Amino acid sequence: MIVPTTGGVLIDVRVVPRAKKSEIAGQRGDAVLVRLQAPPVDGAANAELVEVLSAALGVTRRDVSIVSGERGRQKRVKVTRIDAETAAARLGKVGDTQP
C-alpha cells in the first residue's frame, strides 16, 4: 500500500468519485480508499485527489503526483518529501473514524 522510494513514497489509492464529501475513508484491500466529490470528468477527480492527499499528508500539492491509473479508479500516487512511517501515520489518523 505505501512503498518507500528515494525522496518519498508510492501509495496505492482506490478512488470513489461523486461521493457526498471528499475524505480519506480507510483502506480497501491493499489501497487507501479516498472518496471524492468531484466527477471523473476533465481531470476534476484527479485534481481533487491531489488536493485531498496533500492536505492529509501535510505536503504541498506539487509534492503529490499521479504516476499511473489517471483514467481509472485504481491509482498509484507518488508523494515526495515524506517517509513511509509518517505517511502511514497521517493517513491512518485521517481515516480513523473512532473518537
Protein backbone atom coordinates (compact mmCIF):
# COMPACT_ATOMS: atom_id res chain seq x y z
CA MET A 1 0.00 0.00 0.00
CA ILE A 2 2.72 2.53 0.97
CA VAL A 3 6.12 1.80 -0.56
CA PRO A 4 9.19 3.88 0.36
CA THR A 5 11.16 5.35 -2.56
CA THR A 6 14.08 7.72 -2.89
CA GLY A 7 12.81 11.08 -1.67
CA GLY A 8 9.28 9.93 -0.83
CA VAL A 9 6.68 7.17 -1.11
CA LEU A 10 4.38 5.46 -3.58
CA ILE A 11 0.80 4.98 -2.38
CA ASP A 12 -1.80 2.69 -3.95
CA VAL A 13 -5.14 4.52 -3.94
CA ARG A 14 -8.70 3.45 -4.75
CA VAL A 15 -10.98 6.42 -5.53
CA VAL A 16 -14.75 6.70 -5.35
CA PRO A 17 -15.86 9.73 -7.40
CA ARG A 18 -19.15 11.61 -6.91
CA ALA A 19 -19.18 10.93 -3.17
CA LYS A 20 -21.14 13.00 -0.68
CA LYS A 21 -17.91 14.55 0.66
CA SER A 22 -14.20 14.29 -0.05
CA GLU A 23 -12.31 12.27 2.55
CA ILE A 24 -9.78 9.56 3.27
CA ALA A 25 -12.09 6.64 4.07
CA GLY A 26 -9.71 3.99 5.35
CA GLN A 27 -8.47 1.04 3.37
CA ARG A 28 -9.88 -1.23 0.67
CA GLY A 29 -7.74 -4.26 0.00
CA ASP A 30 -4.16 -3.08 -0.33
CA ALA A 31 -5.09 0.50 -1.21
CA VAL A 32 -6.02 3.69 0.60
CA LEU A 33 -9.70 4.45 -0.06
CA VAL A 34 -10.39 8.08 -0.98
CA ARG A 35 -13.90 9.41 -1.59
CA LEU A 36 -14.10 12.46 -3.87
CA GLN A 37 -16.99 14.84 -4.51
CA ALA A 38 -15.71 15.63 -8.00
CA PRO A 39 -16.91 13.66 -11.02
CA PRO A 40 -14.34 11.80 -13.13
CA VAL A 41 -14.62 14.38 -15.92
CA ASP A 42 -11.86 16.55 -17.40
CA GLY A 43 -9.41 15.60 -14.64
CA ALA A 44 -11.55 17.08 -11.86
CA ALA A 45 -11.37 13.96 -9.69
CA ASN A 46 -7.60 13.67 -10.17
CA ALA A 47 -7.09 17.31 -9.18
CA GLU A 48 -9.24 16.82 -6.10
CA LEU A 49 -7.36 13.62 -5.21
CA VAL A 50 -4.07 15.54 -5.24
CA GLU A 51 -5.59 18.23 -3.03
CA VAL A 52 -7.08 15.75 -0.53
CA LEU A 53 -3.87 13.74 -0.23
CA SER A 54 -1.64 16.81 0.09
CA ALA A 55 -3.83 18.16 2.91
CA ALA A 56 -3.96 14.80 4.71
CA LEU A 57 -0.21 14.23 4.42
CA GLY A 58 0.83 17.80 5.22
CA VAL A 59 2.74 18.36 1.97
CA THR A 60 2.25 20.81 -0.88
CA ARG A 61 0.17 19.88 -3.92
CA ARG A 62 3.27 19.91 -6.08
CA ASP A 63 4.72 17.10 -3.91
CA VAL A 64 1.83 14.80 -4.94
CA SER A 65 1.61 13.32 -8.45
CA ILE A 66 -0.36 10.51 -10.05
CA VAL A 67 2.10 8.12 -11.71
CA SER A 68 -0.38 5.53 -13.01
CA GLY A 69 -4.11 4.99 -13.29
CA GLU A 70 -5.09 8.53 -14.25
CA ARG A 71 -8.18 7.27 -16.06
CA GLY A 72 -9.21 4.55 -13.61
CA ARG A 73 -10.31 4.15 -10.02
CA GLN A 74 -7.14 2.31 -9.00
CA LYS A 75 -4.20 4.73 -8.95
CA ARG A 76 -0.59 4.87 -7.85
CA VAL A 77 0.44 8.20 -6.37
CA LYS A 78 3.95 9.44 -5.69
CA VAL A 79 4.46 11.77 -2.74
CA THR A 80 7.81 13.44 -2.20
CA ARG A 81 9.27 14.94 1.00
CA ILE A 82 7.67 12.36 3.30
CA ASP A 83 8.71 8.96 4.62
CA ALA A 84 6.57 5.81 4.72
CA GLU A 85 6.10 5.82 8.51
CA THR A 86 4.90 9.41 8.57
CA ALA A 87 2.60 8.86 5.61
CA ALA A 88 1.07 5.75 7.19
CA ALA A 89 0.55 7.54 10.50
CA ARG A 90 -1.08 10.59 8.90
CA LEU A 91 -3.34 8.54 6.61
CA GLY A 92 -4.29 6.27 9.50
CA LYS A 93 -5.31 9.20 11.71
CA VAL A 94 -7.35 10.81 8.93
CA GLY A 95 -9.11 7.54 8.07
CA ASP A 96 -9.80 6.67 11.72
CA THR A 97 -13.46 7.37 12.47
CA GLN A 98 -13.47 6.29 16.12
CA PRO A 99 -13.36 9.03 18.80
